[in-house]
Amino acid sequence: MYFLSWLSQLCRGLSRPIGRTAQPTWGSFSRSLALSSQRRIPEFNSFVARTNTCGELRSSHLGQEVTLCGWIQYRRQNIFLVLRDCHGLVQVVIPQDEKTEALRLQYRYLDLRSFQMQYNLRLRSQVVMKMREYLCNLHGFVDIETPTLFKRTPGGAKEFLVPSREPGKFYSLPQSPQQFKQLLMVGGLDRYFQVARCYRDEGSRPDRQPEFTQIDIEMSFVDQTGIQSLIEGLLQYSWPSDKDPLVVPFPSMTFAEALATYGTDKPDTRFGMKIVDISNVFRHTEVRFLQDALSKPQGAVKAMCVREGANYLKKKDIESIRKFAADHFNEEVLPVFLKNKENWNSPVAKFILEKQRLELIRLMEIQEDDVVLLTAGEHKKACSLLGKLRLACADILEMNGMVLRDPALFSFLWVVDFPLFLPKEENPMELESAHHPFTAPHPGDIHLLYTEPEKVRSQHYDLVLNGSEIGGGSIRIHDAELQHYILGTLLKEDVKLLSHLLQALDYGAPPHGGIALGLDRLMCLITGAASIRDVIAFPKSFRGHDLMSNAPDSVSPQELKPYHIQVSWPADSEAERSSLNHSHHPES
C-alpha cells in the first residue's frame, strides 16, 4: 500500500490542475520557480518560454509583454499572420515602421513551421513582434499509453524480439517510448507523461531487471533547466511524508567533473574520499612508473585519501585492492602513509621527497592515520579505477564500524554535459551514441560535429541519488537535417530505418526534451531495500528467469511453424531437443 499511495501521489503531481500565478517571461524563467517546501505547484508555463497560449489574450493584457508560440497558419501581404497552437488562434500585425525593417526581412523567409515570437501589447489591434530562436506552446500534461510493439531500430539497449505470423517479420519490445513521445511532440500534443512498462533483453542485477517501470515525460518548447525544475518539483511534491523534506534545486555537476572527482558519472556524494590530481607534485619524480605515465598523452597521477585507513584497513584489504586494480584495470595502486611510520612495504614511499610529502599533505589535507591510495595512467582509466576503489573502501570501512553513508540521507545530484558520442568498443575508430541518437548536441559545440565530433558535449542529463542513476533524459534533435547527418554520417546507421521520425521532424518539429525516472529503482532507494527485486512483484532472477513459470522456456517445432521460425540448437542441447519433440502434445 505504501507503494500504491506514493505512486498515486506522484501521478497527481503530474496531472493536477494549475492555478494562475505571475506571468513569467523567457528572461525571468528560472529554476527558482520550483515547488516550495509547502508543496505549492507552480504555474505550468514556468517550465517553458511561453507565458500565454494563442487565443488567450484579452484586453486585460494591454501593455504587458507576453511570449506566445505556435505555427503560422496564414499570412497576408507581409503584414498580417495568424499564429495557432492547440488552444486557439491569434492574429499578429507586423509593424511597418523603420525600426522593424530587419524583423520584416526575417519574416519573409518564414515557412509554415514552428517558431517563437515575443509580443509587447501596446494597442488592442497591434502586436509588436520579436523573433526568438525557439517557439513556445505549452499546455497541460496528457497521460497517453504508447504501444509496446514496435520495429527494431538502431541504438539503445538489447531489445526483445517478438515473432509475428508474417514470414521473417518481428516486433520489438522497445526499452522506452522514445520515438513515440517525440512524434507526439511533433503532432502538437506538447505535454505527455506515462507510467510506462519497458523491457531490456539483459540479465538482472541488484539495480536492474529485464522488465521495469518508468515515469516517462516529454515536453515541447522546453530547455534543460525547465526539465530539471519540473522533476525537482514533482519529487518534492510526491516525497513520502515520513522522510525529511527535499530541498531544491538539486546541485549540478558536469560529467567531466564527476569523473575527475569521483571516478564515475553517478557519484555517491554522501561522503568525501574525493580523487585528487597530483600530477604536478611528481613532474620531476624518480619513480619510473610515475614518469612513464606522465610522459604519455592524457597521462596523470591520481590519489585518494582514505580517512583513518590505517585503523580500518587490514593488510589483506590492501592486497585485495591492489589485486583488483591489476586484474580489472591492469594498473598499479600503491598505499602511502605520509604521516605514519608504517608503509606496508610501499615501493614508492622511499622515493617521495620531503618537499613532495609536505605538498601532498597540504593538497589532500592528510591527517594522522590516513592512507593515500596512489595510481598513475591515462586520466579516465585512473579516475575510473579510484572510483571503484572509493566504493570498495567505503564498504570495508563500514563493515569495520565506521559510519560513512547515512541511510537516512537522500543526496540528489544532476550530472550534465555528457559527451555526445563514445568510441565503439569493438572499433574505436567509429562512434556510437553515449545516450541515444536523438540527443541534441550542446549549442556551443555544434561546429565540432563537422570537425571533431568526439569532443562534442550533449544536452543529456542524469539524475543521481546516493550513487544510483534514477533518471535520465535529454533535449532532443528537432532539426531533420541535423538528425539525418548524425545518424547517417557520424553513426553510420541506415537512415531508412528511421525514415518515419525524420519525415516527422521535417514537417516542422518544436524544440522538445524529456526524461524518464526509473520507478522501481527509486522505490528501492526510498525504502532502503537491498535489491530492486525486493520492490517488484514476481521479479526475475539474476539470469533473467521467471522462477515461477520457468520462463523463458522451449517451444516445440510444431508451435514455431506458424511463425516460420526454426531453432538452431547447440550441440550440447540435442538431448533437450529430442525430449521436447517426443513429449509434446497439444494439451501439455
Foldseek 3Di string as FASTA:
>chain_A
DVLVLLVVLLVCLQFPDADDDDQDAQVRQFLVQFADLVLHHGDLCSLFHFRDEAPPDDPVCAQPKGKYWAWWPDDPPLAWTWGHAPPGIDIAGEDDDPVCPVVSVVVVPDDRFIFIWIWGHHDPPHTYIDGDHFGDHDDGEDEDADDQWAADDDDDAAWDWAFDLPAPGTTTGAQDCVLVVLLCLLVRNFKYWYFYWGAHPAFDDQQDFRIFTKTWIKGFRGALRSQQSSVVSSCQSSPDPVADGDDDDAAEAAQVRCCQWQVDLFDQPLFHQTKDWPQVLCVPFPDVVSVVQVVDVQKTKIKTKDPLCQVQPDPVNVVVLQVCCCPPLVWGKAKQQLQDPDRSVGVCHVRQDPVSSVVCCVVRVDDHNMIMIMTIHRSSSVSNSVNVVVVVSVVRRVVRPDDGHDLSDKRKYKYFFAQQWAQDPVGSVAIAGPPHLFWAWDVVCPVCVVPPSRPITTQKMFMHISRHTFKIKHWGDLALVVSCCCQCPRRVHDCVSVVVSSVSSVVHRGGMMIMMGRSLSVVCSSVVPSGSVVSDPQGADSRNARVVVRPPDDDAPVVCVSSNDDDDDDPVCVVVNVVCVVPDDDVD
